[in-house]
C-alpha cells in the first residue's frame, strides 16, 4: 500500500550552513499596489482595429450555421454557407 500525497499546505524548510532546519513562513499576499504603466511603454493591441479586423472563425461558423438552418438544412452546402457568412459579416463590419 502506498501513501497518498497530503493535500495540506506545508511551510517550506531550509537548511542553514550549521545544519539547523529553519521553517520559513508562507508569503503573504502583496500589500502594495502595482506601479502604473507609462503610456509610451504600452504595447500595440494584438487585434487590429477598423478595416483590417475580420470576424472570428466562431462568429463565421455561427452565422453559417444560421444560414444553413434558414435554407432548410440542405446536404453538401457547408462551403457555400461558410463563404456567404464571411461575405455578409465582412460587409457589415
C-alpha atoms as a PDB file:
ATOM      1  CA  UNK A   1       0.000   0.000   0.000  1.00  0.00           C
ATOM      2  CA  UNK A   2       1.451   3.383  -0.991  1.00  0.00           C
ATOM      3  CA  UNK A   3       0.884   6.617   0.811  1.00  0.00           C
ATOM      4  CA  UNK A   4      -1.169   9.234  -0.971  1.00  0.00           C
ATOM      5  CA  UNK A   5       0.256  12.761  -1.012  1.00  0.00           C
ATOM      6  CA  UNK A   6      -1.162  15.100   1.578  1.00  0.00           C
ATOM      7  CA  UNK A   7      -3.300  17.976   0.361  1.00  0.00           C
ATOM      8  CA  UNK A   8      -2.353  20.173   3.318  1.00  0.00           C
ATOM      9  CA  UNK A   9      -0.095  23.150   2.701  1.00  0.00           C
ATOM     10  CA  UNK A  10       3.233  22.872   4.391  1.00  0.00           C
ATOM     11  CA  UNK A  11       5.726  25.512   5.381  1.00  0.00           C
ATOM     12  CA  UNK A  12       8.993  25.461   3.460  1.00  0.00           C
ATOM     13  CA  UNK A  13      12.021  24.079   5.288  1.00  0.00           C
ATOM     14  CA  UNK A  14      15.523  25.302   4.522  1.00  0.00           C
ATOM     15  CA  UNK A  15      18.856  24.109   5.789  1.00  0.00           C
ATOM     16  CA  UNK A  16      21.338  26.545   7.229  1.00  0.00           C
ATOM     17  CA  UNK A  17      25.108  26.009   6.918  1.00  0.00           C
ATOM     18  CA  UNK A  18      25.131  24.829  10.542  1.00  0.00           C
ATOM     19  CA  UNK A  19      22.713  22.024   9.707  1.00  0.00           C
ATOM     20  CA  UNK A  20      19.743  23.563  11.517  1.00  0.00           C
ATOM     21  CA  UNK A  21      16.396  23.438   9.777  1.00  0.00           C
ATOM     22  CA  UNK A  22      14.511  26.696   9.725  1.00  0.00           C
ATOM     23  CA  UNK A  23      10.832  26.912   8.860  1.00  0.00           C
ATOM     24  CA  UNK A  24      10.058  29.839   6.595  1.00  0.00           C
ATOM     25  CA  UNK A  25       6.590  31.370   6.716  1.00  0.00           C
ATOM     26  CA  UNK A  26       4.331  31.148   3.681  1.00  0.00           C
ATOM     27  CA  UNK A  27       4.495  34.509   1.853  1.00  0.00           C
ATOM     28  CA  UNK A  28       1.532  36.795   2.423  1.00  0.00           C
ATOM     29  CA  UNK A  29      -0.454  38.426  -0.360  1.00  0.00           C
ATOM     30  CA  UNK A  30       1.003  41.537  -1.981  1.00  0.00           C
ATOM     31  CA  UNK A  31       0.289  44.552   0.169  1.00  0.00           C
ATOM     32  CA  UNK A  32       1.435  47.222  -2.272  1.00  0.00           C
ATOM     33  CA  UNK A  33      -0.303  48.386  -5.392  1.00  0.00           C
ATOM     34  CA  UNK A  34       1.407  47.609  -8.713  1.00  0.00           C
ATOM     35  CA  UNK A  35       3.147  50.521 -10.350  1.00  0.00           C
ATOM     36  CA  UNK A  36       1.204  52.187 -13.181  1.00  0.00           C
ATOM     37  CA  UNK A  37       2.410  51.592 -16.724  1.00  0.00           C
ATOM     38  CA  UNK A  38       3.535  54.635 -18.657  1.00  0.00           C
ATOM     39  CA  UNK A  39       1.606  55.365 -21.844  1.00  0.00           C
ATOM     40  CA  UNK A  40       4.716  55.120 -24.028  1.00  0.00           C
ATOM     41  CA  UNK A  41       5.513  51.584 -22.908  1.00  0.00           C
ATOM     42  CA  UNK A  42       2.118  50.033 -23.628  1.00  0.00           C
ATOM     43  CA  UNK A  43       2.385  47.506 -26.483  1.00  0.00           C
ATOM     44  CA  UNK A  44       0.178  47.747 -29.543  1.00  0.00           C
ATOM     45  CA  UNK A  45      -3.054  45.730 -29.412  1.00  0.00           C
ATOM     46  CA  UNK A  46      -2.881  42.216 -30.788  1.00  0.00           C
ATOM     47  CA  UNK A  47      -6.072  42.569 -32.799  1.00  0.00           C
ATOM     48  CA  UNK A  48      -6.104  45.308 -35.428  1.00  0.00           C
ATOM     49  CA  UNK A  49      -8.829  47.907 -35.437  1.00  0.00           C
ATOM     50  CA  UNK A  50     -11.038  49.221 -38.188  1.00  0.00           C
ATOM     51  CA  UNK A  51     -10.831  47.924 -41.736  1.00  0.00           C
ATOM     52  CA  UNK A  52      -8.217  45.222 -41.056  1.00  0.00           C
ATOM     53  CA  UNK A  53     -10.368  43.459 -38.464  1.00  0.00           C
ATOM     54  CA  UNK A  54     -12.021  40.248 -39.665  1.00  0.00           C
ATOM     55  CA  UNK A  55     -14.724  38.257 -37.880  1.00  0.00           C
ATOM     56  CA  UNK A  56     -13.533  35.298 -35.822  1.00  0.00           C
ATOM     57  CA  UNK A  57     -13.951  31.720 -37.011  1.00  0.00           C
ATOM     58  CA  UNK A  58     -16.510  31.147 -34.262  1.00  0.00           C
ATOM     59  CA  UNK A  59     -18.595  34.101 -35.444  1.00  0.00           C
ATOM     60  CA  UNK A  60     -18.445  32.923 -39.050  1.00  0.00           C
ATOM     61  CA  UNK A  61     -19.352  29.357 -38.043  1.00  0.00           C
ATOM     62  CA  UNK A  62     -22.372  30.511 -36.048  1.00  0.00           C
ATOM     63  CA  UNK A  63     -23.579  32.744 -38.870  1.00  0.00           C
ATOM     64  CA  UNK A  64     -23.041  29.963 -41.435  1.00  0.00           C
ATOM     65  CA  UNK A  65     -24.993  27.562 -39.217  1.00  0.00           C
ATOM     66  CA  UNK A  66     -27.896  30.012 -39.044  1.00  0.00           C
ATOM     67  CA  UNK A  67     -27.806  30.423 -42.836  1.00  0.00           C
ATOM     68  CA  UNK A  68     -27.850  26.628 -43.204  1.00  0.00           C
ATOM     69  CA  UNK A  69     -30.835  26.331 -40.868  1.00  0.00           C
ATOM     70  CA  UNK A  70     -32.646  29.104 -42.733  1.00  0.00           C
ATOM     71  CA  UNK A  71     -32.147  27.292 -46.041  1.00  0.00           C
ATOM     72  CA  UNK A  72     -33.777  24.124 -44.724  1.00  0.00           C
ATOM     73  CA  UNK A  73     -30.588  22.227 -43.725  1.00  0.00           C
ATOM     74  CA  UNK A  74     -29.585  21.061 -47.220  1.00  0.00           C
ATOM     75  CA  UNK A  75     -26.809  18.475 -47.511  1.00  0.00           C
ATOM     76  CA  UNK A  76     -23.449  19.498 -49.017  1.00  0.00           C
ATOM     77  CA  UNK A  77     -23.702  23.275 -48.719  1.00  0.00           C
ATOM     78  CA  UNK A  78     -21.209  23.793 -45.898  1.00  0.00           C
ATOM     79  CA  UNK A  79     -18.652  25.692 -48.009  1.00  0.00           C
ATOM     80  CA  UNK A  80     -21.333  27.835 -49.637  1.00  0.00           C
ATOM     81  CA  UNK A  81     -22.789  28.741 -46.243  1.00  0.00           C
ATOM     82  CA  UNK A  82     -19.340  29.491 -44.797  1.00  0.00           C
ATOM     83  CA  UNK A  83     -18.326  31.751 -47.691  1.00  0.00           C
ATOM     84  CA  UNK A  84     -21.682  33.530 -47.654  1.00  0.00           C
ATOM     85  CA  UNK A  85     -21.361  34.088 -43.886  1.00  0.00           C
ATOM     86  CA  UNK A  86     -17.859  35.522 -44.381  1.00  0.00           C
ATOM     87  CA  UNK A  87     -19.118  37.835 -47.097  1.00  0.00           C
ATOM     88  CA  UNK A  88     -22.081  39.069 -45.041  1.00  0.00           C
ATOM     89  CA  UNK A  89     -20.034  39.631 -41.883  1.00  0.00           C
ATOM     90  CA  UNK A  90     -17.271  41.440 -43.785  1.00  0.00           C
ATOM     91  CA  UNK A  91     -19.843  43.722 -45.376  1.00  0.00           C
ATOM     92  CA  UNK A  92     -21.412  44.564 -42.012  1.00  0.00           C
ATOM     93  CA  UNK A  93     -18.079  45.292 -40.262  1.00  0.00           C
END
